[in-house]
Every structure is written in structure tokens, then in C-alpha cells.
Amino acid sequence: MVKIDLHVHTNYSDGTDSAEELIRQAEKIGLDGLGITDHDTFGGLHKALEVETDIIIVPGIEISTAKGHIIAYGVTDGEFEMGLTPKETVDIIHRNGGIAVAAHPFDYIRYGIKDVIFDLNIDAVEVINGCITFKHFNKLAFEAAIKLDLPMIAGSDGHSTEEIGNAWTDFLVEPETWQDVISMILKKETIPVGGRHPLFSSKAKRWWKAYKKRDERPVPLKKIRMPKEKKSTNPDKK
């Protein structure tokens, strides 16, 4: 099996460590790839793509819609505005050649899109999220994926080197490129695997580490919030 942690954050969003530090840790613990999915920025992804490594770097971005978070995979750049509706965001992802994945959809504390998932043309569902607030939320995501007959993925949602790799996606055939990874997700050639970080101790360690490394950050640490919905620029929408 090929193990890829498809949901990881660098210090370009709310993670504590650099892209290279995360990649070296992934190599150390035997992961075959990482999905770099910073919040509303490609900064960490661009740094990751500069690192010499044999593991697969899957390009992505976790977009803050007006109703919750959606991950775009297969995009390395582009204008992905915060605060749009989930439908508008999914449409933009598809126009940019990416696939849209509902991240931790039923974790209302961490801005999942909740039941909106049933009204969207999404491509896959994150059914195991390693940072989920309550395990039951992963169960609801799994049930939604079954009901919608959608591919399933898993990721640690790791925000530090210590957190990555506790949840990952197994691939039935070895992908050679990130394009292969996207193709195999769409063809349902994936198995979501893993568990959940110890909620309170993991976050406490991350916050302490973020404080100690505060002067190493390339950008200021921003608290992740739900953006206000922006008015549509579509003249046909009322």
C-alpha cells in the first residue's frame, strides 16, 4: 500500500512547521506523500514543491467558504476567494482544473459544511480527519460518502510534525505523480485509514510549539474563522 497523508498545514497558515520540516518528518515515518492544504494560501505549497524529495507532494488549498471548509486538490495557483458560497467555490475549483473535497464536513466546531454536502457537486469526502473534535463526526462523514456514492479519503489535518501521519489514504496501485493520486481518488482506488489526535494534549503541544517558533514564521499566525458571505458577482443570481 502507498500511504499519503492528504491534509497537512505548514507555517504559511496555522501550522507550526515549515514545508521542509513536514516533508522530512514524512520521510522519517514512512509516508509516501503529503497533501499540502494550507488555509486560503499557496505559500506553503510553493515552498514544498521546491524541496528535493522522493515522496509525492499533492498540491492543494483549504478554502474558507461562507458555510465551511472545502479542499481543492490538483491546483497550484489561482484566485480562490474566501467567503463565497460552497457552490460558487466548487464551481471555481472545477474551472481551475481541481477536484473539490469536503473537509471534516460534520465538525461544526471546525467549520465543516455540514448538510450542505448533500447539495454540492463535490468529488470526494474526507471521512477520517485526524483532528476531528469528536469521532462521531467522522462516522457521519463516512455515512454521507456512502449515501452520495463518493470517493473517500483520509488525512491527519496535521498542524505540526508531531501530528502528521496519524491518518492517511492508502492507494491500491502505486501512483507515480500527484496527477495519478487525483485520478485514483476519482476512480475510488483509495482506502481511508487512521485515527484521531488526543484532542487536548495535541493542541496544547501545538500551541506551545507555535509560541516557541513564533519568530521563525514566514507570515503572521492568523486565527481561522468563518468568513462572512460575500455578495455574488454573478448577475444572474438573485
C-alpha atoms as a PDB file:
ATOM      1  CA  MET A   1       0.000   0.000   0.000  1.00  0.00           C
ATOM      2  CA  VAL A   2       1.039   3.585  -0.678  1.00  0.00           C
ATOM      3  CA  LYS A   3       0.381   5.881   2.293  1.00  0.00           C
ATOM      4  CA  ILE A   4      -0.341   9.557   1.628  1.00  0.00           C
ATOM      5  CA  ASP A   5      -1.438  11.999   4.318  1.00  0.00           C
ATOM      6  CA  LEU A   6      -3.703  14.234   2.254  1.00  0.00           C
ATOM      7  CA  HIS A   7      -4.360  17.020   4.768  1.00  0.00           C
ATOM      8  CA  VAL A   8      -1.389  18.897   6.223  1.00  0.00           C
ATOM      9  CA  HIS A   9      -0.769  22.540   7.183  1.00  0.00           C
ATOM     10  CA  THR A  10       2.509  24.485   7.135  1.00  0.00           C
ATOM     11  CA  ASN A  11       3.547  27.667   8.909  1.00  0.00           C
ATOM     12  CA  TYR A  12       2.178  29.652   5.991  1.00  0.00           C
ATOM     13  CA  SER A  13      -1.280  29.187   7.526  1.00  0.00           C
ATOM     14  CA  ASP A  14      -1.876  27.922  11.069  1.00  0.00           C
ATOM     15  CA  GLY A  15       0.754  25.176  11.193  1.00  0.00           C
ATOM     16  CA  THR A  16       3.871  25.370  13.348  1.00  0.00           C
ATOM     17  CA  ASP A  17       6.498  23.933  10.985  1.00  0.00           C
ATOM     18  CA  SER A  18       7.936  24.652   7.564  1.00  0.00           C
ATOM     19  CA  ALA A  19       7.111  22.630   4.472  1.00  0.00           C
ATOM     20  CA  GLU A  20      10.584  21.087   4.503  1.00  0.00           C
ATOM     21  CA  GLU A  21      10.300  20.065   8.165  1.00  0.00           C
ATOM     22  CA  LEU A  22       6.991  18.343   7.427  1.00  0.00           C
ATOM     23  CA  ILE A  23       8.429  16.581   4.379  1.00  0.00           C
ATOM     24  CA  ARG A  24      11.471  15.314   6.304  1.00  0.00           C
ATOM     25  CA  GLN A  25       9.206  14.002   9.054  1.00  0.00           C
ATOM     26  CA  ALA A  26       7.010  12.294   6.463  1.00  0.00           C
ATOM     27  CA  GLU A  27      10.084  10.582   5.019  1.00  0.00           C
ATOM     28  CA  LYS A  28      11.173   9.533   8.520  1.00  0.00           C
ATOM     29  CA  ILE A  29       7.862   7.908   9.471  1.00  0.00           C
ATOM     30  CA  GLY A  30       7.411   6.129   6.147  1.00  0.00           C
ATOM     31  CA  LEU A  31       4.759   8.193   4.396  1.00  0.00           C
ATOM     32  CA  ASP A  32       4.825   8.119   0.604  1.00  0.00           C
ATOM     33  CA  GLY A  33       3.286  11.538   0.142  1.00  0.00           C
ATOM     34  CA  LEU A  34       1.769  14.658   1.668  1.00  0.00           C
ATOM     35  CA  GLY A  35      -1.124  16.829   0.608  1.00  0.00           C
ATOM     36  CA  ILE A  36      -0.192  20.430   1.405  1.00  0.00           C
ATOM     37  CA  THR A  37      -3.522  22.117   2.107  1.00  0.00           C
ATOM     38  CA  ASP A  38      -2.921  25.434   3.837  1.00  0.00           C
ATOM     39  CA  HIS A  39      -5.844  27.694   4.636  1.00  0.00           C
ATOM     40  CA  ASP A  40      -6.514  30.111   1.768  1.00  0.00           C
ATOM     41  CA  THR A  41      -2.888  30.336   0.631  1.00  0.00           C
ATOM     42  CA  PHE A  42      -0.472  28.534  -1.679  1.00  0.00           C
ATOM     43  CA  GLY A  43       2.608  29.836   0.181  1.00  0.00           C
ATOM     44  CA  GLY A  44       3.470  26.589   1.947  1.00  0.00           C
ATOM     45  CA  LEU A  45       2.714  24.501  -1.133  1.00  0.00           C
ATOM     46  CA  HIS A  46       5.099  26.522  -3.277  1.00  0.00           C
ATOM     47  CA  LYS A  47       7.846  26.011  -0.685  1.00  0.00           C
ATOM     48  CA  ALA A  48       7.088  22.276  -0.553  1.00  0.00           C
ATOM     49  CA  LEU A  49       7.409  21.954  -4.322  1.00  0.00           C
ATOM     50  CA  GLU A  50      10.940  23.407  -4.069  1.00  0.00           C
ATOM     51  CA  VAL A  51      12.100  20.680  -1.653  1.00  0.00           C
ATOM     52  CA  GLU A  52      14.066  17.770  -3.099  1.00  0.00           C
ATOM     53  CA  THR A  53      12.269  14.609  -2.015  1.00  0.00           C
ATOM     54  CA  ASP A  54      11.134  11.246  -3.313  1.00  0.00           C
ATOM     55  CA  ILE A  55       7.709  11.477  -1.703  1.00  0.00           C
ATOM     56  CA  ILE A  56       4.744  12.783  -3.700  1.00  0.00           C
ATOM     57  CA  ILE A  57       3.606  16.316  -2.918  1.00  0.00           C
ATOM     58  CA  VAL A  58      -0.096  16.604  -3.699  1.00  0.00           C
ATOM     59  CA  PRO A  59      -0.988  20.255  -4.329  1.00  0.00           C
ATOM     60  CA  GLY A  60      -3.998  21.664  -2.536  1.00  0.00           C
ATOM     61  CA  ILE A  61      -5.594  24.503  -0.646  1.00  0.00           C
ATOM     62  CA  GLU A  62      -8.256  24.511   2.083  1.00  0.00           C
ATOM     63  CA  ILE A  63     -10.718  27.211   1.122  1.00  0.00           C
ATOM     64  CA  SER A  64     -12.856  29.052   3.669  1.00  0.00           C
ATOM     65  CA  THR A  65     -16.333  29.297   2.177  1.00  0.00           C
ATOM     66  CA  ALA A  66     -19.214  31.113   3.827  1.00  0.00           C
ATOM     67  CA  LYS A  67     -20.513  27.768   5.134  1.00  0.00           C
ATOM     68  CA  GLY A  68     -17.332  25.833   5.911  1.00  0.00           C
ATOM     69  CA  HIS A  69     -14.103  24.399   4.538  1.00  0.00           C
ATOM     70  CA  ILE A  70     -13.625  22.765   1.162  1.00  0.00           C
ATOM     71  CA  ILE A  71     -10.269  21.410  -0.039  1.00  0.00           C
ATOM     72  CA  ALA A  72      -9.212  21.863  -3.647  1.00  0.00           C
ATOM     73  CA  TYR A  73      -6.688  19.284  -4.847  1.00  0.00           C
ATOM     74  CA  GLY A  74      -4.789  19.451  -8.098  1.00  0.00           C
ATOM     75  CA  VAL A  75      -4.348  23.217  -8.119  1.00  0.00           C
ATOM     76  CA  THR A  76      -1.050  25.023  -7.568  1.00  0.00           C
ATOM     77  CA  ASP A  77      -2.182  28.605  -8.037  1.00  0.00           C
ATOM     78  CA  GLY A  78      -5.208  30.726  -8.851  1.00  0.00           C
ATOM     79  CA  GLU A  79      -7.725  33.065  -7.279  1.00  0.00           C
ATOM     80  CA  PHE A  80      -9.748  31.266  -4.627  1.00  0.00           C
ATOM     81  CA  GLU A  81     -11.664  33.934  -2.784  1.00  0.00           C
ATOM     82  CA  MET A  82     -12.790  33.464   0.804  1.00  0.00           C
ATOM     83  CA  GLY A  83     -16.413  33.914   1.799  1.00  0.00           C
ATOM     84  CA  LEU A  84     -18.104  32.646  -1.352  1.00  0.00           C
ATOM     85  CA  THR A  85     -20.880  30.087  -1.120  1.00  0.00           C
ATOM     86  CA  PRO A  86     -19.828  26.435  -1.205  1.00  0.00           C
ATOM     87  CA  LYS A  87     -21.423  26.048  -4.653  1.00  0.00           C
ATOM     88  CA  GLU A  88     -19.539  29.045  -6.042  1.00  0.00           C
ATOM     89  CA  THR A  89     -16.315  27.697  -4.551  1.00  0.00           C
ATOM     90  CA  VAL A  90     -16.794  24.223  -6.017  1.00  0.00           C
ATOM     91  CA  ASP A  91     -17.520  25.749  -9.422  1.00  0.00           C
ATOM     92  CA  ILE A  92     -14.314  27.801  -9.258  1.00  0.00           C
ATOM     93  CA  ILE A  93     -12.289  24.736  -8.222  1.00  0.00           C
ATOM     94  CA  HIS A  94     -13.608  22.793 -11.201  1.00  0.00           C
ATOM     95  CA  ARG A  95     -12.962  25.694 -13.596  1.00  0.00           C
ATOM     96  CA  ASN A  96      -9.354  25.723 -12.388  1.00  0.00           C
ATOM     97  CA  GLY A  97      -8.958  22.010 -13.091  1.00  0.00           C
ATOM     98  CA  GLY A  98      -9.065  20.822  -9.485  1.00  0.00           C
ATOM     99  CA  ILE A  99     -11.250  18.452  -7.523  1.00  0.00           C
ATOM    100  CA  ALA A 100     -13.374  19.569  -4.581  1.00  0.00           C
ATOM    101  CA  VAL A 101     -13.343  17.588  -1.333  1.00  0.00           C
ATOM    102  CA  ALA A 102     -15.458  18.228   1.757  1.00  0.00           C
ATOM    103  CA  ALA A 103     -13.047  18.568   4.694  1.00  0.00           C
ATOM    104  CA  HIS A 104     -14.268  17.269   8.099  1.00  0.00           C
ATOM    105  CA  PRO A 105     -17.793  18.059   6.846  1.00  0.00           C
ATOM    106  CA  PHE A 106     -19.754  17.406  10.036  1.00  0.00           C
ATOM    107  CA  ASP A 107     -17.369  19.010  12.521  1.00  0.00           C
ATOM    108  CA  TYR A 108     -19.336  22.191  13.151  1.00  0.00           C
ATOM    109  CA  ILE A 109     -16.721  23.384  15.673  1.00  0.00           C
ATOM    110  CA  ARG A 110     -14.024  23.304  12.985  1.00  0.00           C
ATOM    111  CA  TYR A 111     -16.153  24.767  10.191  1.00  0.00           C
ATOM    112  CA  GLY A 112     -17.400  21.746   8.303  1.00  0.00           C
ATOM    113  CA  ILE A 113     -20.026  22.406   5.638  1.00  0.00           C
ATOM    114  CA  LYS A 114     -22.473  20.042   7.394  1.00  0.00           C
ATOM    115  CA  ASP A 115     -25.628  19.121   5.437  1.00  0.00           C
ATOM    116  CA  VAL A 116     -24.683  21.456   2.594  1.00  0.00           C
ATOM    117  CA  ILE A 117     -22.625  18.475   1.421  1.00  0.00           C
ATOM    118  CA  PHE A 118     -25.797  16.904   0.044  1.00  0.00           C
ATOM    119  CA  ASP A 119     -26.436  19.842  -2.292  1.00  0.00           C
ATOM    120  CA  LEU A 120     -22.986  20.159  -3.865  1.00  0.00           C
ATOM    121  CA  ASN A 121     -21.230  18.697  -6.872  1.00  0.00           C
ATOM    122  CA  ILE A 122     -18.229  17.653  -4.796  1.00  0.00           C
ATOM    123  CA  ASP A 123     -15.803  14.961  -5.906  1.00  0.00           C
ATOM    124  CA  ALA A 124     -14.898  13.197  -2.644  1.00  0.00           C
ATOM    125  CA  VAL A 125     -15.353  13.253   1.116  1.00  0.00           C
ATOM    126  CA  GLU A 126     -12.742  13.308   3.880  1.00  0.00           C
ATOM    127  CA  VAL A 127     -14.162  10.536   6.052  1.00  0.00           C
ATOM    128  CA  ILE A 128     -11.256  10.309   8.512  1.00  0.00           C
ATOM    129  CA  ASN A 129      -9.855  13.567   9.824  1.00  0.00           C
ATOM    130  CA  GLY A 130      -7.120  13.232  12.422  1.00  0.00           C
ATOM    131  CA  CYS A 131      -8.005  16.494  14.163  1.00  0.00           C
ATOM    132  CA  ILE A 132     -11.746  15.838  14.371  1.00  0.00           C
ATOM    133  CA  THR A 133     -13.364  17.223  17.512  1.00  0.00           C
ATOM    134  CA  PHE A 134     -15.471  14.103  18.165  1.00  0.00           C
ATOM    135  CA  LYS A 135     -15.088  10.697  16.499  1.00  0.00           C
ATOM    136  CA  HIS A 136     -18.799  10.697  15.682  1.00  0.00           C
ATOM    137  CA  PHE A 137     -18.216  13.448  13.122  1.00  0.00           C
ATOM    138  CA  ASN A 138     -16.007  11.099  11.087  1.00  0.00           C
ATOM    139  CA  LYS A 139     -18.758   8.477  11.207  1.00  0.00           C
ATOM    140  CA  LEU A 140     -21.255  10.982   9.819  1.00  0.00           C
ATOM    141  CA  ALA A 141     -18.822  11.866   7.015  1.00  0.00           C
ATOM    142  CA  PHE A 142     -18.458   8.173   6.144  1.00  0.00           C
ATOM    143  CA  GLU A 143     -22.231   7.732   6.045  1.00  0.00           C
ATOM    144  CA  ALA A 144     -22.580  10.792   3.797  1.00  0.00           C
ATOM    145  CA  ALA A 145     -19.976   9.447   1.378  1.00  0.00           C
ATOM    146  CA  ILE A 146     -21.856   6.144   1.197  1.00  0.00           C
ATOM    147  CA  LYS A 147     -25.168   7.899   0.617  1.00  0.00           C
ATOM    148  CA  LEU A 148     -23.687  10.127  -2.098  1.00  0.00           C
ATOM    149  CA  ASP A 149     -21.632   7.270  -3.599  1.00  0.00           C
ATOM    150  CA  LEU A 150     -18.474   9.389  -3.475  1.00  0.00           C
ATOM    151  CA  PRO A 151     -14.769   8.524  -3.113  1.00  0.00           C
ATOM    152  CA  MET A 152     -13.347   8.594   0.416  1.00  0.00           C
ATOM    153  CA  ILE A 153     -10.044   9.987   1.641  1.00  0.00           C
ATOM    154  CA  ALA A 154      -8.296  10.499   4.976  1.00  0.00           C
ATOM    155  CA  GLY A 155      -5.756  12.947   6.332  1.00  0.00           C
ATOM    156  CA  SER A 156      -4.247  13.903   9.659  1.00  0.00           C
ATOM    157  CA  ASP A 157      -5.102  17.599   9.348  1.00  0.00           C
ATOM    158  CA  GLY A 158      -1.703  17.828  11.000  1.00  0.00           C
ATOM    159  CA  HIS A 159      -0.505  21.263  12.025  1.00  0.00           C
ATOM    160  CA  SER A 160       2.943  20.134  13.205  1.00  0.00           C
ATOM    161  CA  THR A 161       5.497  17.412  12.553  1.00  0.00           C
ATOM    162  CA  GLU A 162       4.199  15.520  15.585  1.00  0.00           C
ATOM    163  CA  GLU A 163       0.663  15.380  14.194  1.00  0.00           C
ATOM    164  CA  ILE A 164       1.164  14.201  10.627  1.00  0.00           C
ATOM    165  CA  GLY A 165       0.646  10.571   9.674  1.00  0.00           C
ATOM    166  CA  ASN A 166      -1.954   9.578  12.254  1.00  0.00           C
ATOM    167  CA  ALA A 167      -4.491   9.382   9.418  1.00  0.00           C
ATOM    168  CA  TRP A 168      -3.737   8.775   5.765  1.00  0.00           C
ATOM    169  CA  THR A 169      -5.097   7.438   2.486  1.00  0.00           C
ATOM    170  CA  ASP A 170      -3.928   4.083   1.156  1.00  0.00           C
ATOM    171  CA  PHE A 171      -3.753   3.665  -2.615  1.00  0.00           C
ATOM    172  CA  LEU A 172      -4.352   0.254  -4.155  1.00  0.00           C
ATOM    173  CA  VAL A 173      -1.904   0.871  -7.002  1.00  0.00           C
ATOM    174  CA  GLU A 174       1.307   2.870  -6.622  1.00  0.00           C
ATOM    175  CA  PRO A 175       0.860   6.393  -8.007  1.00  0.00           C
ATOM    176  CA  GLU A 176       3.931   7.941  -9.627  1.00  0.00           C
ATOM    177  CA  THR A 177       2.756  11.560  -9.690  1.00  0.00           C
ATOM    178  CA  TRP A 178       0.279  13.766  -7.915  1.00  0.00           C
ATOM    179  CA  GLN A 179      -1.824  13.631 -11.074  1.00  0.00           C
ATOM    180  CA  ASP A 180      -2.053   9.862 -10.563  1.00  0.00           C
ATOM    181  CA  VAL A 181      -3.199  10.491  -6.996  1.00  0.00           C
ATOM    182  CA  ILE A 182      -6.047  12.742  -8.181  1.00  0.00           C
ATOM    183  CA  SER A 183      -7.058  10.215 -10.834  1.00  0.00           C
ATOM    184  CA  MET A 184      -7.081   7.355  -8.342  1.00  0.00           C
ATOM    185  CA  ILE A 185      -9.190   9.325  -5.867  1.00  0.00           C
ATOM    186  CA  LEU A 186     -11.796   9.930  -8.555  1.00  0.00           C
ATOM    187  CA  LYS A 187     -11.748   6.226  -9.513  1.00  0.00           C
ATOM    188  CA  LYS A 188     -12.273   5.231  -5.842  1.00  0.00           C
ATOM    189  CA  GLU A 189      -8.940   3.415  -5.677  1.00  0.00           C
ATOM    190  CA  THR A 190      -8.396   4.606  -2.115  1.00  0.00           C
ATOM    191  CA  ILE A 191      -8.779   3.301   1.418  1.00  0.00           C
ATOM    192  CA  PRO A 192      -9.082   5.840   4.277  1.00  0.00           C
ATOM    193  CA  VAL A 193      -7.045   4.744   7.309  1.00  0.00           C
ATOM    194  CA  GLY A 194      -6.143   6.050  10.747  1.00  0.00           C
ATOM    195  CA  GLY A 195      -7.414   7.693  13.877  1.00  0.00           C
ATOM    196  CA  ARG A 196      -7.564  10.909  15.808  1.00  0.00           C
ATOM    197  CA  HIS A 197      -5.062  13.032  17.734  1.00  0.00           C
ATOM    198  CA  PRO A 198      -5.536  13.199  21.506  1.00  0.00           C
ATOM    199  CA  LEU A 199      -7.665  16.334  21.359  1.00  0.00           C
ATOM    200  CA  PHE A 200      -6.482  18.469  24.264  1.00  0.00           C
ATOM    201  CA  SER A 201      -2.883  17.310  24.724  1.00  0.00           C
ATOM    202  CA  SER A 202      -2.177  17.535  20.997  1.00  0.00           C
ATOM    203  CA  LYS A 203      -3.493  21.085  20.748  1.00  0.00           C
ATOM    204  CA  ALA A 204      -1.666  22.173  23.887  1.00  0.00           C
ATOM    205  CA  LYS A 205       1.638  20.861  22.486  1.00  0.00           C
ATOM    206  CA  ARG A 206       0.962  22.559  19.157  1.00  0.00           C
ATOM    207  CA  TRP A 207       0.191  25.926  20.771  1.00  0.00           C
ATOM    208  CA  TRP A 208       3.350  25.724  22.895  1.00  0.00           C
ATOM    209  CA  LYS A 209       5.434  24.831  19.861  1.00  0.00           C
ATOM    210  CA  ALA A 210       3.861  27.680  17.875  1.00  0.00           C
ATOM    211  CA  TYR A 211       4.845  30.084  20.656  1.00  0.00           C
ATOM    212  CA  LYS A 212       8.444  28.828  20.768  1.00  0.00           C
ATOM    213  CA  LYS A 213       8.773  29.084  16.981  1.00  0.00           C
ATOM    214  CA  ARG A 214       6.893  32.358  16.599  1.00  0.00           C
ATOM    215  CA  ASP A 215       9.955  34.208  15.275  1.00  0.00           C
ATOM    216  CA  GLU A 216      10.506  31.605  12.548  1.00  0.00           C
ATOM    217  CA  ARG A 217       7.138  32.145  10.893  1.00  0.00           C
ATOM    218  CA  PRO A 218       7.234  33.495   7.316  1.00  0.00           C
ATOM    219  CA  VAL A 219       3.801  35.089   7.842  1.00  0.00           C
ATOM    220  CA  PRO A 220       1.902  36.155  10.978  1.00  0.00           C
ATOM    221  CA  LEU A 221      -0.200  33.470  12.642  1.00  0.00           C
ATOM    222  CA  LYS A 222      -3.851  34.050  11.769  1.00  0.00           C
ATOM    223  CA  LYS A 223      -6.786  32.604  13.665  1.00  0.00           C
ATOM    224  CA  ILE A 224      -9.012  30.599  11.361  1.00  0.00           C
ATOM    225  CA  ARG A 225     -12.544  31.988  11.355  1.00  0.00           C
ATOM    226  CA  MET A 226     -15.654  31.548   9.247  1.00  0.00           C
ATOM    227  CA  PRO A 227     -15.710  34.430   6.751  1.00  0.00           C
ATOM    228  CA  LYS A 228     -18.844  36.431   6.118  1.00  0.00           C
ATOM    229  CA  GLU A 229     -20.639  35.524   2.916  1.00  0.00           C
ATOM    230  CA  LYS A 230     -19.763  37.798   0.032  1.00  0.00           C
ATOM    231  CA  LYS A 231     -22.304  39.024  -2.477  1.00  0.00           C
ATOM    232  CA  SER A 232     -22.222  37.016  -5.662  1.00  0.00           C
ATOM    233  CA  THR A 233     -20.689  38.654  -8.716  1.00  0.00           C
ATOM    234  CA  ASN A 234     -22.971  36.549 -10.929  1.00  0.00           C
ATOM    235  CA  PRO A 235     -25.574  38.926 -12.431  1.00  0.00           C
ATOM    236  CA  ASP A 236     -27.991  36.026 -12.966  1.00  0.00           C
ATOM    237  CA  LYS A 237     -28.023  35.145  -9.271  1.00  0.00           C
ATOM    238  CA  LYS A 238     -30.594  36.899  -7.131  1.00  0.00           C
END
